[in-house]
Amino acid sequence: MSEAPIRLEREALVVRLHVQPGAKRSQWAGRHGDALKLRVAAPAVEGKANEALVRFLAEFCGVPRSAIEILQGEASRTKRVRIATPDPQAVAARLVAISSPALSSD
């Protein structure tokens, strides 16, 4: 049984991601096991992919970049990211919506 990729906290949520650097453009790509898959349009060198990840998540979630914190996996494709937001349920709902098509095919 796999774990949910999104965990709600008081004023934040923690998201498990599988990040694919070097994509043509940054975009969601459904699920990858027990994580949400995200392609980022930056190479995995000198922190560029992590910068692109933070920028993409901040824009998607409608929060400043300072609200995004990589908790685990700085140098890995598998990451845990904390997103501070006054409305974590709304952000979680958006994340669930982008992953739903992949969920129904499992």
N, C-alpha and C. Protein backbone atom coordinates (compact mmCIF):
# COMPACT_ATOMS: atom_id res chain seq x y z
N MET A 1 0.84 -1.17 0.00
CA MET A 1 0.00 0.00 0.00
C MET A 1 0.89 1.24 0.00
N SER A 2 0.65 2.17 -0.90
CA SER A 2 1.48 3.36 -0.98
C SER A 2 0.91 4.49 -0.13
N GLU A 3 1.80 5.35 0.31
CA GLU A 3 1.39 6.50 1.11
C GLU A 3 0.89 7.62 0.21
N ALA A 4 0.07 8.50 0.77
CA ALA A 4 -0.38 9.66 0.02
C ALA A 4 0.80 10.61 -0.16
N PRO A 5 0.92 11.23 -1.32
CA PRO A 5 2.05 12.13 -1.56
C PRO A 5 1.91 13.50 -0.88
N ILE A 6 0.72 13.78 -0.31
CA ILE A 6 0.47 15.09 0.30
C ILE A 6 0.06 14.89 1.76
N ARG A 7 0.74 15.63 2.65
CA ARG A 7 0.39 15.58 4.07
C ARG A 7 0.09 17.00 4.53
N LEU A 8 -1.09 17.21 5.09
CA LEU A 8 -1.50 18.52 5.59
C LEU A 8 -0.91 18.78 6.96
N GLU A 9 -0.47 20.00 7.18
CA GLU A 9 -0.04 20.48 8.49
C GLU A 9 -0.89 21.70 8.81
N ARG A 10 -0.63 22.33 9.94
CA ARG A 10 -1.45 23.46 10.37
C ARG A 10 -1.52 24.56 9.31
N GLU A 11 -0.42 25.17 8.95
CA GLU A 11 -0.42 26.23 7.94
C GLU A 11 0.57 25.90 6.82
N ALA A 12 0.60 24.62 6.47
CA ALA A 12 1.51 24.18 5.41
C ALA A 12 1.09 22.80 4.95
N LEU A 13 1.73 22.34 3.91
CA LEU A 13 1.59 20.96 3.51
C LEU A 13 2.96 20.45 3.08
N VAL A 14 3.16 19.17 3.25
CA VAL A 14 4.40 18.52 2.85
C VAL A 14 4.06 17.62 1.68
N VAL A 15 4.82 17.77 0.59
CA VAL A 15 4.53 17.04 -0.64
C VAL A 15 5.75 16.20 -1.01
N ARG A 16 5.49 14.94 -1.35
CA ARG A 16 6.54 14.06 -1.84
C ARG A 16 6.55 14.19 -3.37
N LEU A 17 7.72 14.50 -3.92
CA LEU A 17 7.85 14.73 -5.35
C LEU A 17 8.90 13.82 -5.97
N HIS A 18 8.69 13.49 -7.22
CA HIS A 18 9.72 12.88 -8.06
C HIS A 18 9.98 13.92 -9.14
N VAL A 19 11.18 14.49 -9.14
CA VAL A 19 11.50 15.60 -10.04
C VAL A 19 12.38 15.10 -11.18
N GLN A 20 11.98 15.45 -12.40
CA GLN A 20 12.74 15.10 -13.59
C GLN A 20 13.33 16.38 -14.18
N PRO A 21 14.63 16.60 -13.99
CA PRO A 21 15.25 17.81 -14.53
C PRO A 21 15.51 17.69 -16.03
N GLY A 22 15.79 18.82 -16.66
CA GLY A 22 16.15 18.85 -18.07
C GLY A 22 15.00 18.70 -19.04
N ALA A 23 13.79 18.95 -18.58
CA ALA A 23 12.62 18.84 -19.46
C ALA A 23 12.54 20.05 -20.40
N LYS A 24 11.73 19.92 -21.42
CA LYS A 24 11.54 21.02 -22.36
C LYS A 24 10.87 22.21 -21.67
N ARG A 25 9.92 21.91 -20.78
CA ARG A 25 9.25 22.96 -20.00
C ARG A 25 8.84 22.37 -18.65
N SER A 26 8.67 23.23 -17.67
CA SER A 26 8.25 22.79 -16.34
C SER A 26 6.76 22.50 -16.36
N GLN A 27 6.40 21.29 -15.89
CA GLN A 27 4.99 20.90 -15.88
C GLN A 27 4.79 19.68 -15.00
N TRP A 28 3.56 19.50 -14.53
CA TRP A 28 3.20 18.31 -13.78
C TRP A 28 3.12 17.14 -14.74
N ALA A 29 3.45 15.95 -14.25
CA ALA A 29 3.42 14.76 -15.09
C ALA A 29 2.72 13.60 -14.38
N GLY A 30 1.73 13.90 -13.54
CA GLY A 30 0.95 12.87 -12.87
C GLY A 30 1.62 12.31 -11.63
N ARG A 31 1.63 10.98 -11.51
CA ARG A 31 2.19 10.31 -10.34
C ARG A 31 3.41 9.48 -10.74
N HIS A 32 4.27 9.25 -9.77
CA HIS A 32 5.40 8.35 -9.92
C HIS A 32 5.47 7.57 -8.62
N GLY A 33 4.87 6.39 -8.59
CA GLY A 33 4.80 5.62 -7.35
C GLY A 33 3.98 6.36 -6.31
N ASP A 34 4.59 6.62 -5.15
CA ASP A 34 3.87 7.33 -4.09
C ASP A 34 4.24 8.82 -4.04
N ALA A 35 4.62 9.37 -5.19
CA ALA A 35 4.99 10.78 -5.28
C ALA A 35 4.30 11.43 -6.47
N LEU A 36 4.19 12.76 -6.43
CA LEU A 36 3.73 13.52 -7.59
C LEU A 36 4.95 13.74 -8.47
N LYS A 37 4.79 13.59 -9.77
CA LYS A 37 5.91 13.77 -10.69
C LYS A 37 5.86 15.17 -11.29
N LEU A 38 7.03 15.80 -11.29
CA LEU A 38 7.16 17.15 -11.82
C LEU A 38 8.38 17.22 -12.72
N ARG A 39 8.18 17.68 -13.93
CA ARG A 39 9.30 17.90 -14.85
C ARG A 39 9.69 19.37 -14.75
N VAL A 40 11.00 19.63 -14.65
CA VAL A 40 11.46 21.02 -14.58
C VAL A 40 12.40 21.32 -15.74
N ALA A 41 12.26 22.52 -16.26
CA ALA A 41 13.03 22.96 -17.42
C ALA A 41 14.34 23.59 -16.98
N ALA A 42 15.15 22.81 -16.29
CA ALA A 42 16.46 23.27 -15.86
C ALA A 42 17.32 22.03 -15.65
N PRO A 43 18.59 22.13 -15.93
CA PRO A 43 19.47 20.98 -15.72
C PRO A 43 19.77 20.76 -14.24
N ALA A 44 20.16 19.55 -13.91
CA ALA A 44 20.48 19.20 -12.52
C ALA A 44 21.94 19.54 -12.22
N VAL A 45 22.31 20.79 -12.42
CA VAL A 45 23.67 21.24 -12.12
C VAL A 45 23.61 22.54 -11.32
N GLU A 46 24.48 22.63 -10.33
CA GLU A 46 24.63 23.85 -9.53
C GLU A 46 23.31 24.37 -8.95
N GLY A 47 22.42 23.47 -8.59
CA GLY A 47 21.17 23.87 -7.94
C GLY A 47 20.12 24.47 -8.86
N LYS A 48 20.36 24.46 -10.17
CA LYS A 48 19.41 25.08 -11.10
C LYS A 48 18.06 24.37 -11.12
N ALA A 49 18.06 23.04 -11.04
CA ALA A 49 16.79 22.31 -11.03
C ALA A 49 16.00 22.61 -9.76
N ASN A 50 16.69 22.71 -8.62
CA ASN A 50 15.99 23.05 -7.37
C ASN A 50 15.42 24.47 -7.43
N GLU A 51 16.16 25.40 -8.02
CA GLU A 51 15.65 26.77 -8.18
C GLU A 51 14.40 26.77 -9.05
N ALA A 52 14.45 26.01 -10.15
CA ALA A 52 13.29 25.93 -11.05
C ALA A 52 12.10 25.28 -10.33
N LEU A 53 12.38 24.27 -9.52
CA LEU A 53 11.34 23.61 -8.74
C LEU A 53 10.65 24.58 -7.80
N VAL A 54 11.43 25.34 -7.05
CA VAL A 54 10.88 26.30 -6.09
C VAL A 54 10.07 27.37 -6.82
N ARG A 55 10.60 27.88 -7.91
CA ARG A 55 9.90 28.90 -8.70
C ARG A 55 8.57 28.37 -9.22
N PHE A 56 8.57 27.15 -9.77
CA PHE A 56 7.35 26.55 -10.31
C PHE A 56 6.30 26.33 -9.22
N LEU A 57 6.73 25.74 -8.09
CA LEU A 57 5.80 25.48 -7.00
C LEU A 57 5.22 26.77 -6.42
N ALA A 58 6.05 27.79 -6.27
CA ALA A 58 5.57 29.06 -5.73
C ALA A 58 4.49 29.65 -6.64
N GLU A 59 4.74 29.61 -7.94
CA GLU A 59 3.75 30.15 -8.88
C GLU A 59 2.48 29.29 -8.88
N PHE A 60 2.62 27.97 -8.90
CA PHE A 60 1.47 27.07 -8.93
C PHE A 60 0.61 27.24 -7.67
N CYS A 61 1.26 27.38 -6.52
CA CYS A 61 0.56 27.45 -5.24
C CYS A 61 0.15 28.87 -4.85
N GLY A 62 0.64 29.87 -5.59
CA GLY A 62 0.29 31.25 -5.29
C GLY A 62 0.90 31.76 -4.00
N VAL A 63 2.14 31.34 -3.75
CA VAL A 63 2.86 31.76 -2.54
C VAL A 63 4.22 32.32 -2.95
N PRO A 64 4.86 33.10 -2.08
CA PRO A 64 6.21 33.58 -2.40
C PRO A 64 7.20 32.42 -2.37
N ARG A 65 8.31 32.57 -3.08
CA ARG A 65 9.34 31.52 -3.12
C ARG A 65 9.85 31.18 -1.72
N SER A 66 9.86 32.16 -0.83
CA SER A 66 10.34 31.91 0.54
C SER A 66 9.43 30.96 1.31
N ALA A 67 8.22 30.70 0.80
CA ALA A 67 7.28 29.78 1.45
C ALA A 67 7.55 28.32 1.07
N ILE A 68 8.47 28.10 0.14
CA ILE A 68 8.80 26.74 -0.32
C ILE A 68 10.13 26.33 0.31
N GLU A 69 10.14 25.17 0.95
CA GLU A 69 11.36 24.67 1.59
C GLU A 69 11.57 23.21 1.20
N ILE A 70 12.74 22.90 0.66
CA ILE A 70 13.08 21.52 0.35
C ILE A 70 13.57 20.88 1.65
N LEU A 71 12.77 19.95 2.19
CA LEU A 71 13.09 19.31 3.46
C LEU A 71 14.07 18.16 3.29
N GLN A 72 13.97 17.47 2.18
CA GLN A 72 14.77 16.28 1.96
C GLN A 72 14.97 16.09 0.46
N GLY A 73 16.18 15.67 0.07
CA GLY A 73 16.43 15.34 -1.32
C GLY A 73 17.02 16.45 -2.15
N GLU A 74 17.79 17.35 -1.54
CA GLU A 74 18.41 18.46 -2.29
C GLU A 74 19.15 17.96 -3.54
N ALA A 75 19.84 16.82 -3.42
CA ALA A 75 20.65 16.31 -4.53
C ALA A 75 20.04 15.03 -5.12
N SER A 76 18.74 14.86 -4.96
CA SER A 76 18.07 13.64 -5.42
C SER A 76 16.84 14.00 -6.24
N ARG A 77 16.40 13.07 -7.04
CA ARG A 77 15.15 13.29 -7.78
C ARG A 77 13.94 13.16 -6.85
N THR A 78 14.08 12.37 -5.81
CA THR A 78 13.00 12.19 -4.84
C THR A 78 13.15 13.25 -3.75
N LYS A 79 12.13 14.05 -3.58
CA LYS A 79 12.20 15.18 -2.65
C LYS A 79 10.95 15.24 -1.77
N ARG A 80 11.12 15.81 -0.60
CA ARG A 80 10.00 16.20 0.25
C ARG A 80 10.08 17.71 0.38
N VAL A 81 8.97 18.37 0.06
CA VAL A 81 8.93 19.83 0.02
C VAL A 81 7.82 20.32 0.94
N ARG A 82 8.12 21.34 1.73
CA ARG A 82 7.13 21.97 2.60
C ARG A 82 6.68 23.27 1.95
N ILE A 83 5.37 23.44 1.85
CA ILE A 83 4.79 24.65 1.26
C ILE A 83 3.97 25.35 2.34
N ALA A 84 4.45 26.50 2.78
CA ALA A 84 3.73 27.29 3.79
C ALA A 84 2.66 28.11 3.08
N THR A 85 1.43 27.99 3.55
CA THR A 85 0.32 28.70 2.93
C THR A 85 -0.79 28.89 3.97
N PRO A 86 -1.50 30.00 3.90
CA PRO A 86 -2.60 30.20 4.85
C PRO A 86 -3.78 29.26 4.59
N ASP A 87 -3.85 28.66 3.40
CA ASP A 87 -4.96 27.77 3.06
C ASP A 87 -4.41 26.46 2.48
N PRO A 88 -3.84 25.60 3.34
CA PRO A 88 -3.24 24.36 2.82
C PRO A 88 -4.24 23.43 2.16
N GLN A 89 -5.51 23.44 2.60
CA GLN A 89 -6.50 22.56 1.98
C GLN A 89 -6.75 22.93 0.52
N ALA A 90 -6.78 24.23 0.22
CA ALA A 90 -7.00 24.66 -1.16
C ALA A 90 -5.83 24.25 -2.06
N VAL A 91 -4.61 24.42 -1.55
CA VAL A 91 -3.43 24.02 -2.33
C VAL A 91 -3.41 22.50 -2.51
N ALA A 92 -3.73 21.77 -1.44
CA ALA A 92 -3.77 20.31 -1.53
C ALA A 92 -4.81 19.87 -2.56
N ALA A 93 -5.94 20.53 -2.61
CA ALA A 93 -6.98 20.19 -3.58
C ALA A 93 -6.48 20.39 -5.01
N ARG A 94 -5.73 21.46 -5.24
CA ARG A 94 -5.15 21.69 -6.58
C ARG A 94 -4.16 20.59 -6.95
N LEU A 95 -3.35 20.17 -5.97
CA LEU A 95 -2.37 19.12 -6.21
C LEU A 95 -3.05 17.77 -6.47
N VAL A 96 -4.10 17.48 -5.72
CA VAL A 96 -4.85 16.24 -5.93
C VAL A 96 -5.47 16.25 -7.32
N ALA A 97 -5.98 17.39 -7.74
CA ALA A 97 -6.62 17.50 -9.05
C ALA A 97 -5.64 17.21 -10.19
N ILE A 98 -4.40 17.65 -10.05
CA ILE A 98 -3.44 17.40 -11.13
C ILE A 98 -2.97 15.95 -11.13
N SER A 99 -3.08 15.27 -10.00
CA SER A 99 -2.62 13.89 -9.93
C SER A 99 -3.75 12.88 -10.16
N SER A 100 -4.99 13.32 -10.16
CA SER A 100 -6.14 12.41 -10.25
C SER A 100 -6.15 11.54 -11.50
N PRO A 101 -5.86 12.05 -12.70
CA PRO A 101 -5.88 11.16 -13.87
C PRO A 101 -4.96 9.97 -13.72
N ALA A 102 -3.77 10.20 -13.14
CA ALA A 102 -2.83 9.09 -12.93
C ALA A 102 -3.34 8.12 -11.86
N LEU A 103 -4.06 8.67 -10.87
CA LEU A 103 -4.59 7.81 -9.80
C LEU A 103 -5.62 6.84 -10.34
N SER A 104 -6.46 7.29 -11.26
CA SER A 104 -7.52 6.44 -11.75
C SER A 104 -7.01 5.33 -12.65
N SER A 105 -5.79 5.43 -13.17
CA SER A 105 -5.27 4.41 -14.06
C SER A 105 -4.50 3.32 -13.32
N ASP A 106 -4.28 3.49 -12.00
CA ASP A 106 -3.55 2.48 -11.22
C ASP A 106 -4.36 1.23 -10.98
